[in-house]
N, C-alpha and C. Protein backbone atom coordinates (compact mmCIF):
# COMPACT_ATOMS: atom_id res chain seq x y z
N MET A 1 -23.35 -17.16 20.99
CA MET A 1 -23.07 -15.60 19.88
C MET A 1 -21.42 -15.76 19.97
N ASN A 2 -20.84 -15.69 18.95
CA ASN A 2 -19.68 -16.03 18.73
C ASN A 2 -18.78 -14.72 18.83
N ARG A 3 -17.85 -14.99 18.79
CA ARG A 3 -16.78 -13.66 19.12
C ARG A 3 -16.87 -12.75 18.03
N VAL A 4 -16.94 -13.44 16.69
CA VAL A 4 -16.33 -12.35 15.38
C VAL A 4 -17.75 -11.40 14.90
N GLU A 5 -19.59 -11.99 15.62
CA GLU A 5 -20.01 -11.04 15.44
C GLU A 5 -20.30 -9.27 15.65
N PRO A 6 -19.51 -9.25 16.86
CA PRO A 6 -19.33 -8.11 17.15
C PRO A 6 -18.73 -7.30 16.03
N ILE A 7 -17.46 -7.82 15.60
CA ILE A 7 -16.64 -7.09 14.76
C ILE A 7 -17.09 -7.30 13.13
N TYR A 8 -17.95 -7.85 13.27
CA TYR A 8 -18.96 -8.03 11.82
C TYR A 8 -19.91 -6.73 11.76
N GLU A 9 -21.15 -6.49 12.73
CA GLU A 9 -21.17 -5.72 12.83
C GLU A 9 -20.79 -4.46 12.77
N ILE A 10 -19.78 -3.50 13.45
CA ILE A 10 -19.47 -2.80 13.47
C ILE A 10 -18.63 -2.48 11.97
N THR A 11 -18.15 -3.75 10.99
CA THR A 11 -17.75 -3.27 9.77
C THR A 11 -18.62 -3.30 9.02
N MET A 12 -20.38 -3.37 9.46
CA MET A 12 -20.93 -3.29 8.07
C MET A 12 -21.36 -2.31 8.50
N LYS A 13 -21.20 -1.72 9.56
CA LYS A 13 -21.97 -0.36 9.91
C LYS A 13 -20.72 0.75 9.08
N ILE A 14 -19.40 0.58 9.26
CA ILE A 14 -18.37 1.30 8.42
C ILE A 14 -18.77 1.17 7.23
N LYS A 15 -19.04 -0.06 6.33
CA LYS A 15 -19.08 -0.08 5.16
C LYS A 15 -20.58 0.89 4.43
N THR A 16 -21.49 0.48 5.39
CA THR A 16 -22.63 1.36 4.91
C THR A 16 -22.74 3.13 5.17
N LEU A 17 -21.75 3.80 5.83
CA LEU A 17 -21.12 4.85 6.59
C LEU A 17 -20.32 5.63 4.96
N LEU A 18 -19.70 4.13 4.96
CA LEU A 18 -18.43 4.68 3.67
C LEU A 18 -19.36 4.93 2.21
N GLU A 19 -20.92 3.84 2.01
CA GLU A 19 -21.44 3.97 0.76
C GLU A 19 -22.10 4.88 0.68
N GLN A 20 -22.99 5.96 1.60
CA GLN A 20 -23.71 7.03 1.63
C GLN A 20 -22.75 8.13 0.72
N ASP A 21 -23.47 9.06 0.58
CA ASP A 21 -22.76 10.47 -0.41
C ASP A 21 -22.42 11.10 0.45
N ILE A 22 -20.63 11.18 0.54
CA ILE A 22 -20.54 12.43 1.68
C ILE A 22 -19.66 13.66 1.09
N THR A 23 -20.45 14.54 0.95
CA THR A 23 -20.39 15.81 0.80
C THR A 23 -19.36 16.41 1.65
N ALA A 24 -18.78 17.92 1.71
CA ALA A 24 -17.78 18.39 1.57
C ALA A 24 -18.41 18.92 3.21
N LYS A 25 -19.74 19.42 3.33
CA LYS A 25 -20.21 19.78 4.62
C LYS A 25 -20.40 18.48 5.55
N SER A 26 -20.13 17.49 5.45
CA SER A 26 -21.04 16.39 6.22
C SER A 26 -19.26 15.27 5.84
N ARG A 27 -18.33 15.55 5.31
CA ARG A 27 -17.38 15.17 5.79
C ARG A 27 -16.46 14.89 7.06
N GLU A 28 -16.19 16.03 7.55
CA GLU A 28 -15.72 16.21 8.80
C GLU A 28 -16.63 15.08 9.80
N SER A 29 -17.99 14.91 9.93
CA SER A 29 -18.70 14.43 11.11
C SER A 29 -18.80 12.63 10.43
N VAL A 30 -18.79 12.41 9.04
CA VAL A 30 -18.35 11.07 9.00
C VAL A 30 -17.09 10.50 9.03
N ILE A 31 -15.98 11.37 9.07
CA ILE A 31 -14.62 11.32 9.29
C ILE A 31 -14.32 10.49 11.11
N GLU A 32 -15.27 11.45 11.69
CA GLU A 32 -15.35 11.12 13.02
C GLU A 32 -16.17 10.03 13.56
N GLU A 33 -16.99 9.74 13.02
CA GLU A 33 -17.74 8.58 13.37
C GLU A 33 -17.12 7.14 12.72
N LEU A 34 -15.94 7.25 11.40
CA LEU A 34 -15.46 6.54 11.03
C LEU A 34 -14.34 5.87 11.67
N ASN A 35 -13.55 6.90 12.84
CA ASN A 35 -12.49 7.17 13.74
C ASN A 35 -13.05 6.18 15.09
N ASP A 36 -14.47 6.25 15.14
CA ASP A 36 -14.37 5.90 16.69
C ASP A 36 -15.36 4.55 16.27
N LEU A 37 -15.86 4.10 15.28
CA LEU A 37 -16.25 2.55 15.05
C LEU A 37 -14.69 2.15 14.50
N ILE A 38 -13.88 2.66 13.62
CA ILE A 38 -12.54 1.82 13.65
C ILE A 38 -12.35 1.76 15.21
N LEU A 39 -12.17 2.58 16.10
CA LEU A 39 -11.48 2.32 17.46
C LEU A 39 -12.17 1.25 18.12
N SER A 40 -13.49 1.36 18.14
CA SER A 40 -14.21 0.42 18.79
C SER A 40 -13.93 -1.30 18.51
N ARG A 41 -14.14 -1.20 16.98
CA ARG A 41 -13.80 -2.56 16.11
C ARG A 41 -12.22 -3.01 16.29
N GLY A 42 -11.27 -2.12 16.81
CA GLY A 42 -9.64 -2.43 17.26
C GLY A 42 -9.98 -3.11 18.50
N MET A 43 -10.55 -2.50 19.10
CA MET A 43 -10.67 -3.30 20.69
C MET A 43 -11.23 -4.03 20.76
N TYR A 44 -12.67 -4.82 19.61
CA TYR A 44 -12.78 -6.28 19.91
C TYR A 44 -11.77 -7.34 19.05
N MET A 45 -10.91 -6.49 18.20
CA MET A 45 -10.36 -7.50 17.48
C MET A 45 -8.76 -7.55 18.53
N GLU A 46 -8.32 -6.56 19.39
CA GLU A 46 -7.80 -7.22 19.84
C GLU A 46 -7.73 -8.46 21.30
N LYS A 47 -9.22 -8.84 21.48
CA LYS A 47 -9.91 -9.70 22.06
C LYS A 47 -9.84 -10.77 21.74
N LEU A 48 -9.60 -10.81 20.32
CA LEU A 48 -9.80 -11.99 19.47
C LEU A 48 -8.67 -12.94 19.78
N LYS A 49 -8.74 -14.09 20.32
CA LYS A 49 -7.57 -14.98 20.38
C LYS A 49 -7.83 -16.25 19.64
N SER A 50 -7.25 -17.37 19.16
CA SER A 50 -7.25 -18.39 18.59
C SER A 50 -7.54 -19.62 19.84
N PRO A 51 -8.03 -20.49 19.58
CA PRO A 51 -8.84 -21.56 18.22
C PRO A 51 -10.21 -20.45 17.81
N TYR A 52 -10.43 -20.64 16.80
CA TYR A 52 -11.50 -20.12 16.11
C TYR A 52 -12.39 -21.75 15.72
N THR A 53 -13.40 -21.31 15.59
CA THR A 53 -14.79 -21.98 15.59
C THR A 53 -14.44 -21.95 13.75
N GLU A 54 -15.76 -23.19 13.19
CA GLU A 54 -15.81 -22.95 11.55
C GLU A 54 -16.51 -21.82 11.12
N GLU A 55 -17.60 -20.83 12.44
CA GLU A 55 -18.55 -20.24 12.23
C GLU A 55 -17.58 -19.02 12.17
N GLU A 56 -16.60 -18.66 12.86
CA GLU A 56 -16.04 -17.99 13.15
C GLU A 56 -15.07 -17.20 11.70
N LYS A 57 -14.17 -18.56 11.53
CA LYS A 57 -13.33 -18.99 10.39
C LYS A 57 -14.29 -18.53 8.96
N LYS A 58 -15.45 -18.58 8.44
CA LYS A 58 -16.15 -18.06 7.67
C LYS A 58 -16.55 -16.89 7.63
N ILE A 59 -16.89 -16.19 9.03
CA ILE A 59 -17.31 -15.22 9.17
C ILE A 59 -15.89 -13.81 9.22
N GLY A 60 -14.89 -14.47 9.75
CA GLY A 60 -13.55 -13.86 9.05
C GLY A 60 -13.19 -13.83 7.59
N LYS A 61 -13.23 -15.01 6.91
CA LYS A 61 -12.99 -14.40 5.46
C LYS A 61 -13.92 -13.37 4.75
N GLU A 62 -15.53 -13.41 5.20
CA GLU A 62 -16.16 -12.40 4.79
C GLU A 62 -15.65 -11.17 5.23
N LEU A 63 -15.17 -10.74 6.35
CA LEU A 63 -14.66 -9.91 7.15
C LEU A 63 -13.87 -9.48 5.71
N VAL A 64 -12.91 -10.25 5.80
CA VAL A 64 -11.65 -10.10 4.83
C VAL A 64 -11.33 -8.83 3.61
N LEU A 65 -12.91 -9.61 2.70
CA LEU A 65 -13.29 -9.49 1.54
C LEU A 65 -13.98 -7.80 1.94
N ILE A 66 -14.95 -7.61 2.79
CA ILE A 66 -15.65 -6.38 3.09
C ILE A 66 -14.62 -5.14 3.48
N ASN A 67 -13.64 -5.50 4.21
CA ASN A 67 -12.62 -4.71 4.57
C ASN A 67 -11.92 -4.41 3.53
N ASN A 68 -11.74 -5.37 2.55
CA ASN A 68 -10.64 -4.78 1.22
C ASN A 68 -11.64 -3.65 0.63
N GLU A 69 -13.25 -3.98 0.61
CA GLU A 69 -14.29 -3.04 0.06
C GLU A 69 -13.75 -1.29 0.82
N ILE A 70 -13.65 -1.31 2.28
CA ILE A 70 -13.85 -0.41 3.06
C ILE A 70 -12.77 0.09 2.69
N GLN A 71 -11.37 -0.38 2.94
CA GLN A 71 -9.95 0.25 2.32
C GLN A 71 -10.02 1.31 0.94
N LYS A 72 -10.67 0.28 0.49
CA LYS A 72 -10.59 1.17 -1.15
C LYS A 72 -11.75 2.57 -0.94
N LYS A 73 -12.40 2.79 -0.18
CA LYS A 73 -13.55 3.32 -0.13
C LYS A 73 -12.78 4.62 0.48
N MET A 74 -12.43 4.47 1.89
CA MET A 74 -11.78 5.41 2.35
C MET A 74 -10.42 6.07 1.85
N GLN A 75 -9.74 5.23 0.54
CA GLN A 75 -8.63 6.03 -0.04
C GLN A 75 -8.90 6.75 -0.88
N ILE A 76 -10.42 6.60 -1.35
CA ILE A 76 -11.45 7.78 -2.25
C ILE A 76 -11.58 8.83 -1.24
N LEU A 77 -12.21 8.65 -0.26
CA LEU A 77 -12.37 9.83 1.01
C LEU A 77 -11.28 10.86 0.83
N PHE A 78 -10.70 9.99 1.19
CA PHE A 78 -9.15 10.80 1.58
C PHE A 78 -7.95 11.03 0.17
N ALA A 79 -8.41 10.61 -0.63
CA ALA A 79 -7.42 11.65 -1.86
C ALA A 79 -8.78 12.37 -2.07
N ASP A 80 -10.08 12.64 -2.33
CA ASP A 80 -10.57 13.89 -2.29
C ASP A 80 -10.37 14.97 -1.37
N LEU A 81 -10.36 14.31 -0.24
CA LEU A 81 -9.97 15.54 0.93
C LEU A 81 -8.65 16.09 0.67
N LYS A 82 -7.94 15.23 0.34
CA LYS A 82 -6.37 16.05 -0.26
C LYS A 82 -6.25 16.88 -1.41
N LEU A 83 -7.31 16.40 -2.29
CA LEU A 83 -7.37 17.88 -3.50
C LEU A 83 -8.19 18.79 -2.86
N GLU A 84 -8.98 18.71 -1.81
CA GLU A 84 -9.51 19.74 -1.52
C GLU A 84 -8.86 21.09 -0.54
N MET A 85 -8.18 19.92 -0.53
CA MET A 85 -7.06 21.16 0.86
C MET A 85 -6.33 21.73 -0.22
N ARG A 86 -5.70 20.77 -0.80
CA ARG A 86 -4.47 21.51 -2.21
C ARG A 86 -5.08 22.94 -2.71
N GLN A 87 -6.24 22.73 -3.07
CA GLN A 87 -7.36 24.04 -3.60
C GLN A 87 -7.33 25.03 -2.82
N VAL A 88 -7.48 24.76 -1.48
CA VAL A 88 -7.89 25.75 -0.51
C VAL A 88 -6.77 26.27 -0.33
N LYS A 89 -5.41 25.59 -0.37
CA LYS A 89 -4.25 26.23 0.03
C LYS A 89 -3.80 26.94 -1.20
N LYS A 90 -3.92 26.74 -2.69
CA LYS A 90 -4.10 27.39 -3.83
C LYS A 90 -4.88 28.76 -4.03
N GLN A 91 -5.99 28.35 -3.27
CA GLN A 91 -7.01 29.60 -3.09
C GLN A 91 -6.60 30.49 -2.57
N LYS A 92 -6.07 30.34 -1.03
CA LYS A 92 -5.63 31.24 -0.02
C LYS A 92 -4.37 31.77 -0.69
N LYS A 93 -3.36 31.30 -1.64
CA LYS A 93 -2.63 31.95 -2.17
C LYS A 93 -2.41 32.94 -3.15
N SER A 94 -3.85 32.45 -4.04
CA SER A 94 -4.01 33.52 -5.16
C SER A 94 -4.51 34.64 -4.66
N ASN A 95 -5.15 34.74 -3.33
CA ASN A 95 -6.08 35.30 -2.54
C ASN A 95 -5.26 36.59 -1.86
N GLN A 96 -4.11 35.73 -1.31
CA GLN A 96 -2.84 36.87 -0.77
C GLN A 96 -2.03 37.91 -1.91
N SER A 97 -1.59 37.11 -2.94
CA SER A 97 -1.33 37.51 -4.28
C SER A 97 -2.31 38.41 -5.40
N TYR A 98 -3.73 38.53 -4.85
CA TYR A 98 -4.67 40.01 -4.77
C TYR A 98 -4.30 41.02 -4.86
N THR A 99 -4.40 40.69 -2.89
CA THR A 99 -4.26 41.85 -2.24
C THR A 99 -2.75 42.60 -2.42
N ASN A 100 -2.01 41.84 -2.36
CA ASN A 100 -0.59 42.49 -2.50
C ASN A 100 0.42 41.67 -3.63
N PRO A 101 -0.08 42.64 -4.71
CA PRO A 101 0.51 41.82 -5.57
C PRO A 101 1.91 42.09 -6.33
N TYR A 102 2.82 43.27 -5.72
CA TYR A 102 4.08 43.77 -5.46
C TYR A 102 4.91 42.81 -4.14
N LYS A 103 4.22 41.76 -3.36
CA LYS A 103 4.88 41.24 -2.53
C LYS A 103 6.64 40.44 -3.07
N HIS A 104 6.35 39.81 -4.33
CA HIS A 104 7.47 39.28 -4.37
C HIS A 104 7.98 39.40 -5.35
N VAL A 105 7.88 40.76 -5.91
CA VAL A 105 8.27 41.50 -7.30
C VAL A 105 9.69 42.29 -6.55
N GLN A 106 10.59 41.73 -7.09
CA GLN A 106 11.97 42.64 -7.22
C GLN A 106 12.48 43.83 -8.34
N THR A 107 12.53 45.03 -8.23
CA THR A 107 13.00 45.29 -9.02
C THR A 107 13.58 45.88 -8.88
N MET A 108 14.87 46.46 -9.31
CA MET A 108 15.66 47.67 -9.41
C MET A 108 15.77 48.61 -10.30
N ASP A 109 15.04 49.08 -10.72
CA ASP A 109 15.08 50.28 -11.47
C ASP A 109 15.08 51.38 -10.80
N GLY A 110 16.01 52.17 -11.21
CA GLY A 110 16.39 53.26 -10.79
C GLY A 110 17.25 53.80 -9.92
N MET A 111 17.90 52.45 -9.19
CA MET A 111 18.49 52.20 -7.98
C MET A 111 19.55 52.14 -7.79
N PHE A 112 20.64 51.83 -6.89
CA PHE A 112 22.02 51.49 -7.28
C PHE A 112 22.15 50.92 -6.28
N MET A 113 22.75 49.23 -6.33
CA MET A 113 22.81 47.84 -5.31
C MET A 113 24.38 47.80 -5.62
N ASP A 114 24.83 47.69 -4.59
CA ASP A 114 26.18 47.68 -4.43
C ASP A 114 26.33 46.11 -4.19
N SER A 115 27.01 45.83 -5.35
CA SER A 115 27.36 44.11 -5.55
C SER A 115 28.20 43.53 -4.09
N LYS A 116 29.07 44.53 -3.73
CA LYS A 116 29.84 44.38 -2.48
C LYS A 116 29.53 44.23 -1.49
N LYS A 117 29.39 43.19 -0.29
CA LYS A 117 29.46 43.28 0.70
C LYS A 117 30.65 42.86 1.54
């Protein structure tokens, strides 16, 4: 068994995890599982030392291509997450303005303001 195979297997698990449909409800569990897989892959990668066999080099080149796909899919996932966070923040702000519409209104009708302090 060569040293790159566990990394390849974990990378393929990450790829299949990202290829499934990720809904807003399942996103948190998917991100947690992704973190676990990435941490375990990182531990295997730290143990790798050169020299590499020809088979390991071949698998390594394939891993680089798969990793590029994974990065693109993760960027899409996190862009969706950021968008949803912005929407929640905007919704929260609009709800607050609905419950207290005069919070930010500054009117000076009928009252005297001393401009000197």
